[in-house]
Amino acid sequence: MIDIKNVTVEFENKNKVFKAVDDVSLKINKKEIYGIVGFSGAGKSTLVRTINLLQRPTSGEVFIKYRDLVKLSKKELRKERKNIGMIFQHFNLMPSRTILENVLYPLKDSDISKEEKNKRALELLKLVEIEEKKDHYPSELSGGQKQRVAIARALSNNPEILLCDEATSALDPKTTLSILKLLKKVNEELGVTIVLITHEMNVVKEICTGVSIMDKGKIIESGSIIEIFANPQKELTKSFINVANNMDTTIEKIKAHLDPKDFENKKLVKLSYVGESATKGLIVDIYDRFDVKTNILSGNIEFLGDTPFGNLIVINEGKEENIDAAYEYLKAQGTFVEEIYIGG
C-alpha cells in the first residue's frame, strides 16, 4: 500500500543544510495500523507528510499502490490526495461552519449530488458517534468530540489511507483511549490503512500492528508490535517501552531498596514474556530444574492485540552456573532475560 524508498528531506537555514528525514525506507501493508514513534524533532511528522506530498522529499520515491507520487503532475497529485485523509493534533476545524458543514467541506468539488453528500456526511458522523452534534459549532465541542469530527471529515472522500499526526497528543488519557478505539473501528469496518505518528509508546501498543522508531531523521528500529515490545534492540526503543510500561520508575524504586553487598549468588533481572510463555509456570520450572530460587518484586501482564505480554522484575538466587543455565532455558522457552545492574 505505502512504500517509501530512500526518502530524504532537507531544509536550509542560514546557509546550513539540515536533514529532517535522512534516507528513510519504509513499507506499510494494506489495512495495517502502523505507528511511527519519536521525540520532537525526530522527523516523524515530516516523514508522514511525504506520504501525501504535503512535504515534497528532496530525494527518494513515495509509492502509493505502485504509483510514485513524486512523479505525478499537479492535477494527478490532487486526485491521488483524495485517497489519503489526514487528521492533526489541533483538529483544524472551521469555526464558522457547523459540524455537518465541516464534514461536507471536502466534498464540495465532488460529482455526487447534494443529497448523496449529506447522506455520506451523516453516515460518517454516525460512525464516529457524534451525529447528534451535527448542527453545533466546533466551539461547543470538547477536544475528543472535535477529533471525532476531524476523523469524519478526513473520511469524507472514502480514502484508503488515514494519516494521524499526533492526533491524541492534546487529549486526556481517557479520551485518547476512546479515539484509539474509534480508529481501530475505522480500520476494521472500512478497511482503511492507518499511519499513526506519536511520541507515546502507550498509544502505539493500544492499536498498532507494526511500529518504527525514529531518531535524528532516521528509522533506527522497526518490527511488529510484539517483536519491538518483547525484544527491543536500541536503547531509545527500550526507553520508550520502559516509560510505556512504567518500568523505569519501578526499577529505580526497587534498586533504591537493594544493597549490592547482599547480591552474592543473586541477580536482579527483568523477564519479558510473550504469547504462550506468558502463561507457563517457568518460575517453578527453573527451581525444579536448576535449583534457582526466584523472588518476584514486581510484575504485570497485558495484551498487545490478542497476544499476552508481561514483565517480571525478579531476584534469582543460586549457583552462578545454575543461574546462567536457567537463563538459557528461559530464552529457549521464548522468555527474554535482561540483567539489571544495581551498582556497588
Protein backbone atom coordinates (compact mmCIF):
# COMPACT_ATOMS: atom_id res chain seq x y z
CA MET A 1 0.00 0.00 0.00
CA ILE A 2 2.68 2.52 1.09
CA ASP A 3 6.29 2.11 0.00
CA ILE A 4 8.75 4.86 0.92
CA LYS A 5 12.13 4.39 -0.72
CA ASN A 6 15.28 6.23 0.34
CA VAL A 7 13.43 9.43 1.18
CA THR A 8 15.46 12.43 2.33
CA VAL A 9 14.02 15.82 3.27
CA GLU A 10 16.46 18.70 3.62
CA PHE A 11 15.84 22.22 4.91
CA GLU A 12 18.25 25.10 4.60
CA ASN A 13 18.70 27.60 7.43
CA LYS A 14 21.38 30.30 7.47
CA ASN A 15 23.32 28.54 4.72
CA LYS A 16 23.30 25.28 6.69
CA VAL A 17 21.54 22.16 5.42
CA PHE A 18 19.50 20.19 7.94
CA LYS A 19 18.22 16.69 7.15
CA ALA A 20 14.81 16.33 8.80
CA VAL A 21 14.45 12.92 7.17
CA ASP A 22 17.62 11.05 6.27
CA ASP A 23 17.45 8.24 3.68
CA VAL A 24 14.37 6.54 5.13
CA SER A 25 12.77 3.46 3.58
CA LEU A 26 9.54 2.01 4.95
CA LYS A 27 6.77 -0.34 3.80
CA ILE A 28 3.27 -0.30 5.27
CA ASN A 29 0.81 -3.00 4.26
CA LYS A 30 -2.79 -2.51 3.20
CA LYS A 31 -5.29 -2.32 6.12
CA GLU A 32 -2.44 -2.13 8.66
CA ILE A 33 -2.34 0.25 11.62
CA TYR A 34 1.28 1.35 11.72
CA GLY A 35 2.94 3.54 14.35
CA ILE A 36 5.91 5.86 13.91
CA VAL A 37 7.35 6.91 17.28
CA GLY A 38 9.95 9.51 18.16
CA PHE A 39 10.66 12.56 20.27
CA SER A 40 10.00 16.09 18.97
CA GLY A 41 12.42 16.84 16.15
CA ALA A 42 12.96 13.19 15.25
CA GLY A 43 11.49 13.77 11.79
CA LYS A 44 8.35 11.66 12.13
CA SER A 45 5.86 14.40 11.20
CA THR A 46 7.97 15.45 8.22
CA LEU A 47 8.13 11.83 7.11
CA VAL A 48 4.36 11.30 7.33
CA ARG A 49 3.77 14.46 5.28
CA THR A 50 5.80 12.98 2.46
CA ILE A 51 3.19 10.21 2.17
CA ASN A 52 0.69 12.67 0.66
CA LEU A 53 3.43 15.03 -0.57
CA LEU A 54 2.37 17.90 1.68
CA GLN A 55 6.14 17.79 2.14
CA ARG A 56 7.94 17.04 -1.11
CA PRO A 57 11.09 14.98 -0.48
CA THR A 58 14.46 16.34 -1.56
CA SER A 59 15.20 12.88 -2.93
CA GLY A 60 13.65 9.43 -2.91
CA GLU A 61 10.38 7.85 -4.01
CA VAL A 62 6.93 7.63 -2.41
CA PHE A 63 4.76 4.86 -3.83
CA ILE A 64 1.05 4.56 -3.05
CA LYS A 65 -0.34 1.41 -4.65
CA TYR A 66 2.65 1.26 -7.00
CA ARG A 67 2.36 4.90 -8.17
CA ASP A 68 5.26 7.21 -7.37
CA LEU A 69 3.62 10.42 -6.15
CA VAL A 70 6.82 12.37 -6.71
CA LYS A 71 6.44 11.89 -10.48
CA LEU A 72 2.77 12.88 -10.71
CA SER A 73 1.55 16.12 -12.25
CA LYS A 74 -0.22 18.64 -10.01
CA LYS A 75 -3.59 17.50 -11.33
CA GLU A 76 -2.79 13.83 -10.80
CA LEU A 77 -1.46 14.54 -7.31
CA ARG A 78 -4.64 16.41 -6.31
CA LYS A 79 -6.66 13.41 -7.38
CA GLU A 80 -4.39 10.97 -5.52
CA ARG A 81 -4.54 13.05 -2.33
CA LYS A 82 -8.29 12.42 -2.12
CA ASN A 83 -7.33 8.84 -1.36
CA ILE A 84 -5.31 9.98 1.68
CA GLY A 85 -7.12 11.54 4.65
CA MET A 86 -5.27 13.33 7.43
CA ILE A 87 -6.01 14.41 11.00
CA PHE A 88 -3.92 16.63 13.25
CA GLN A 89 -3.24 17.36 16.91
CA HIS A 90 -5.29 20.58 16.91
CA PHE A 91 -8.23 19.31 14.80
CA ASN A 92 -8.15 22.23 12.26
CA LEU A 93 -11.93 22.54 12.11
CA MET A 94 -13.52 25.64 10.56
CA PRO A 95 -15.06 27.57 13.48
CA SER A 96 -17.70 29.40 11.40
CA ARG A 97 -19.18 26.18 9.99
CA THR A 98 -21.39 23.65 11.73
CA ILE A 99 -20.16 20.13 12.40
CA LEU A 100 -22.11 18.82 9.41
CA GLU A 101 -20.72 21.59 7.20
CA ASN A 102 -17.17 20.75 8.31
CA VAL A 103 -17.63 17.14 7.23
CA LEU A 104 -19.27 18.21 3.96
CA TYR A 105 -16.49 20.63 3.04
CA PRO A 106 -14.09 18.11 1.40
CA LEU A 107 -16.98 17.00 -0.83
CA LYS A 108 -17.60 20.47 -2.30
CA ASP A 109 -15.97 19.58 -5.64
CA SER A 110 -17.36 16.06 -5.74
CA ASP A 111 -19.55 14.96 -8.64
CA ILE A 112 -22.13 13.33 -6.39
CA SER A 113 -25.49 15.02 -5.69
CA LYS A 114 -26.21 17.24 -2.69
CA GLU A 115 -28.44 14.52 -1.24
CA GLU A 116 -25.65 11.95 -1.55
CA LYS A 117 -23.17 14.32 0.05
CA ASN A 118 -25.47 14.88 3.02
CA LYS A 119 -26.13 11.17 3.33
CA ARG A 120 -22.40 10.44 3.28
CA ALA A 121 -21.63 13.11 5.91
CA LEU A 122 -24.40 11.93 8.23
CA GLU A 123 -23.26 8.31 7.91
CA LEU A 124 -19.75 9.34 8.92
CA LEU A 125 -20.99 11.36 11.89
CA LYS A 126 -22.90 8.27 12.97
CA LEU A 127 -19.78 6.13 12.52
CA VAL A 128 -17.77 8.41 14.82
CA GLU A 129 -20.72 8.57 17.25
CA ILE A 130 -21.36 12.29 17.16
CA GLU A 131 -24.34 12.66 14.80
CA GLU A 132 -26.37 14.42 17.50
CA LYS A 133 -23.94 17.37 17.30
CA LYS A 134 -24.36 17.92 13.54
CA ASP A 135 -25.89 21.40 13.94
CA HIS A 136 -23.44 22.57 16.61
CA TYR A 137 -20.25 24.57 16.07
CA PRO A 138 -16.70 23.44 16.97
CA SER A 139 -16.52 25.87 19.89
CA GLU A 140 -19.36 23.94 21.55
CA LEU A 141 -17.48 20.63 21.48
CA SER A 142 -14.89 19.02 23.74
CA GLY A 143 -11.45 18.08 22.42
CA GLY A 144 -12.42 14.45 21.94
CA GLN A 145 -15.61 15.43 20.10
CA LYS A 146 -13.64 17.76 17.83
CA GLN A 147 -11.26 14.95 16.94
CA ARG A 148 -14.20 12.70 16.10
CA VAL A 149 -15.43 15.37 13.69
CA ALA A 150 -11.94 15.68 12.22
CA ILE A 151 -11.87 11.91 11.64
CA ALA A 152 -15.28 12.01 9.94
CA ARG A 153 -14.13 14.90 7.73
CA ALA A 154 -10.91 13.06 6.81
CA LEU A 155 -13.03 10.07 5.69
CA SER A 156 -15.42 12.11 3.52
CA ASN A 157 -13.79 11.13 0.22
CA ASN A 158 -13.61 7.43 1.11
CA PRO A 159 -9.81 7.39 1.45
CA GLU A 160 -7.88 4.14 1.67
CA ILE A 161 -5.23 5.75 3.89
CA LEU A 162 -5.59 7.87 7.03
CA LEU A 163 -2.58 9.77 8.38
CA CYS A 164 -2.75 10.73 12.06
CA ASP A 165 -0.17 13.33 13.08
CA GLU A 166 -0.06 13.40 16.92
CA ALA A 167 -3.86 13.06 16.80
CA THR A 168 -4.19 12.24 20.51
CA SER A 169 -1.49 14.49 21.97
CA ALA A 170 -3.93 17.22 23.02
CA LEU A 171 -6.31 14.78 24.71
CA ASP A 172 -6.53 13.38 28.22
CA PRO A 173 -5.78 9.63 28.71
CA LYS A 174 -9.42 8.52 28.84
CA THR A 175 -10.34 10.46 25.70
CA THR A 176 -7.18 9.20 23.98
CA LEU A 177 -8.30 5.61 24.52
CA SER A 178 -11.74 6.37 23.09
CA ILE A 179 -10.20 7.95 19.96
CA LEU A 180 -7.83 5.00 19.51
CA LYS A 181 -10.80 2.64 19.83
CA LEU A 182 -12.56 4.67 17.14
CA LEU A 183 -9.53 4.50 14.82
CA LYS A 184 -9.45 0.73 15.25
CA LYS A 185 -13.15 0.65 14.35
CA VAL A 186 -12.45 2.70 11.22
CA ASN A 187 -9.66 0.31 10.28
CA GLU A 188 -11.76 -2.80 10.80
CA GLU A 189 -15.08 -1.61 9.35
CA LEU A 190 -13.83 0.49 6.43
CA GLY A 191 -10.54 -1.28 5.74
CA VAL A 192 -8.59 1.98 5.99
CA THR A 193 -4.81 1.78 6.33
CA ILE A 194 -3.77 4.00 9.26
CA VAL A 195 -0.39 5.61 9.91
CA LEU A 196 -0.11 6.90 13.47
CA ILE A 197 2.54 9.46 14.41
CA THR A 198 3.18 9.85 18.14
CA HIS A 199 5.80 10.35 20.84
CA GLU A 200 3.98 7.95 23.18
CA MET A 201 4.54 4.20 23.04
CA ASN A 202 1.35 3.76 25.07
CA VAL A 203 -0.62 4.99 22.07
CA VAL A 204 1.12 2.58 19.70
CA LYS A 205 0.66 -0.50 21.85
CA GLU A 206 -3.12 0.02 22.02
CA ILE A 207 -3.91 -0.48 18.33
CA CYS A 208 -0.82 -0.78 16.10
CA THR A 209 0.36 -3.98 14.47
CA GLY A 210 3.75 -2.61 13.42
CA VAL A 211 5.99 0.23 14.56
CA SER A 212 9.12 2.16 13.61
CA ILE A 213 11.25 4.23 15.97
CA MET A 214 12.74 7.45 14.57
CA ASP A 215 15.69 9.43 15.86
CA LYS A 216 17.50 12.33 14.19
CA GLY A 217 15.76 11.80 10.88
CA LYS A 218 16.45 8.07 10.66
CA ILE A 219 14.45 4.95 11.41
CA ILE A 220 16.59 3.13 13.94
CA GLU A 221 14.36 0.11 14.57
CA SER A 222 11.24 -1.45 13.03
CA GLY A 223 9.16 -4.56 13.56
CA SER A 224 5.83 -5.97 14.66
CA ILE A 225 4.49 -4.53 17.89
CA ILE A 226 5.19 -7.86 19.61
CA GLU A 227 8.80 -8.02 18.38
CA ILE A 228 9.55 -4.46 19.43
CA PHE A 229 7.98 -4.71 22.88
CA ALA A 230 9.37 -8.14 23.65
CA ASN A 231 12.90 -7.71 22.37
CA PRO A 232 13.90 -4.09 21.63
CA GLN A 233 17.41 -3.70 20.28
CA LYS A 234 18.13 0.03 20.57
CA GLU A 235 18.46 1.94 23.83
CA LEU A 236 15.97 4.59 22.67
CA THR A 237 13.40 1.91 21.90
CA LYS A 238 13.95 0.35 25.33
CA SER A 239 13.47 3.76 26.90
CA PHE A 240 10.15 4.32 25.12
CA ILE A 241 8.90 0.88 26.13
CA ASN A 242 10.02 1.21 29.75
CA VAL A 243 8.12 4.50 30.01
CA ALA A 244 5.03 2.88 28.47
CA ASN A 245 5.22 0.00 30.96
CA ASN A 246 6.26 2.26 33.85
CA MET A 247 9.33 0.02 34.15
CA ASP A 248 11.93 2.78 34.56
CA THR A 249 10.22 4.15 37.66
CA THR A 250 9.61 0.67 39.06
CA ILE A 251 13.22 -0.44 38.57
CA GLU A 252 14.64 2.72 40.14
CA LYS A 253 12.41 2.31 43.20
CA ILE A 254 13.43 -1.33 43.56
CA LYS A 255 17.14 -0.54 43.21
CA ALA A 256 16.87 2.16 45.88
CA HIS A 257 15.93 -0.54 48.41
CA LEU A 258 18.61 -3.05 47.47
CA ASP A 259 22.14 -3.33 48.85
CA PRO A 260 24.72 -4.56 46.31
CA LYS A 261 26.60 -6.25 49.17
CA ASP A 262 23.69 -8.67 49.56
CA PHE A 263 23.95 -9.89 45.96
CA GLU A 264 26.40 -12.74 46.27
CA ASN A 265 24.91 -15.62 44.23
CA LYS A 266 21.99 -13.37 43.27
CA LYS A 267 20.96 -11.47 40.16
CA LEU A 268 18.35 -8.79 39.57
CA VAL A 269 16.71 -9.31 36.18
CA LYS A 270 13.76 -8.30 34.04
CA LEU A 271 11.94 -11.20 32.41
CA SER A 272 9.71 -10.44 29.41
CA TYR A 273 7.10 -13.00 28.42
CA VAL A 274 5.33 -13.19 25.06
CA GLY A 275 2.49 -15.39 23.86
CA GLU A 276 2.36 -18.88 25.34
CA SER A 277 5.43 -18.29 27.51
CA ALA A 278 3.40 -15.71 29.46
CA THR A 279 1.14 -18.46 30.73
CA LYS A 280 3.74 -21.14 31.52
CA GLY A 281 4.94 -21.89 35.04
CA LEU A 282 8.57 -21.11 34.23
CA ILE A 283 9.44 -19.79 37.69
CA VAL A 284 8.62 -23.15 39.23
CA ASP A 285 10.36 -24.82 36.30
CA ILE A 286 13.76 -23.19 36.90
CA TYR A 287 13.61 -24.08 40.59
CA ASP A 288 12.88 -27.73 39.83
CA ARG A 289 15.41 -27.99 37.01
CA PHE A 290 18.26 -25.73 38.17
CA ASP A 291 17.70 -25.10 41.88
CA VAL A 292 17.33 -21.38 41.18
CA LYS A 293 15.04 -19.56 43.58
CA THR A 294 13.01 -16.59 42.37
CA ASN A 295 11.78 -13.67 44.43
CA ILE A 296 9.23 -11.67 42.40
CA LEU A 297 9.47 -7.95 43.16
CA SER A 298 7.13 -6.56 40.52
CA GLY A 299 5.13 -7.83 37.57
CA ASN A 300 2.41 -7.11 35.05
CA ILE A 301 0.71 -8.78 32.12
CA GLU A 302 -1.28 -7.14 29.34
CA PHE A 303 -2.38 -7.87 25.78
CA LEU A 304 -0.81 -6.49 22.61
CA GLY A 305 -3.62 -7.21 20.21
CA ASP A 306 -4.61 -10.76 21.10
CA THR A 307 -1.15 -11.72 22.33
CA PRO A 308 -0.38 -11.80 26.07
CA PHE A 309 2.76 -9.90 27.05
CA GLY A 310 4.21 -9.42 30.51
CA ASN A 311 7.20 -8.30 32.53
CA LEU A 312 8.58 -9.51 35.83
CA ILE A 313 11.29 -7.88 37.92
CA VAL A 314 12.84 -10.66 40.00
CA ILE A 315 15.82 -11.63 42.09
CA ASN A 316 17.25 -15.03 41.17
CA GLU A 317 19.37 -16.86 43.73
CA GLY A 318 21.57 -19.91 43.19
CA LYS A 319 24.94 -21.02 41.92
CA GLU A 320 26.16 -18.80 39.10
CA GLU A 321 26.41 -21.67 36.61
CA ASN A 322 22.88 -22.76 37.55
CA ILE A 323 21.51 -19.25 37.06
CA ASP A 324 23.22 -18.99 33.66
CA ALA A 325 21.78 -22.37 32.65
CA ALA A 326 18.34 -21.29 33.86
CA TYR A 327 18.52 -18.16 31.71
CA GLU A 328 19.43 -20.19 28.63
CA TYR A 329 16.45 -22.41 29.35
CA LEU A 330 14.14 -19.39 29.74
CA LYS A 331 15.36 -17.93 26.45
CA ALA A 332 14.72 -21.24 24.72
CA GLN A 333 11.13 -21.08 26.03
CA GLY A 334 10.61 -17.65 24.46
CA THR A 335 11.34 -15.53 27.53
CA PHE A 336 13.63 -12.52 27.17
CA VAL A 337 16.11 -12.05 30.01
CA GLU A 338 17.72 -8.68 30.81
CA GLU A 339 20.10 -8.39 33.79
CA ILE A 340 19.80 -5.16 35.77
CA TYR A 341 22.95 -3.60 37.21
CA ILE A 342 22.41 -2.28 40.74
CA GLY A 343 25.80 -0.69 41.40
CA GLY A 344 28.27 -1.26 44.15
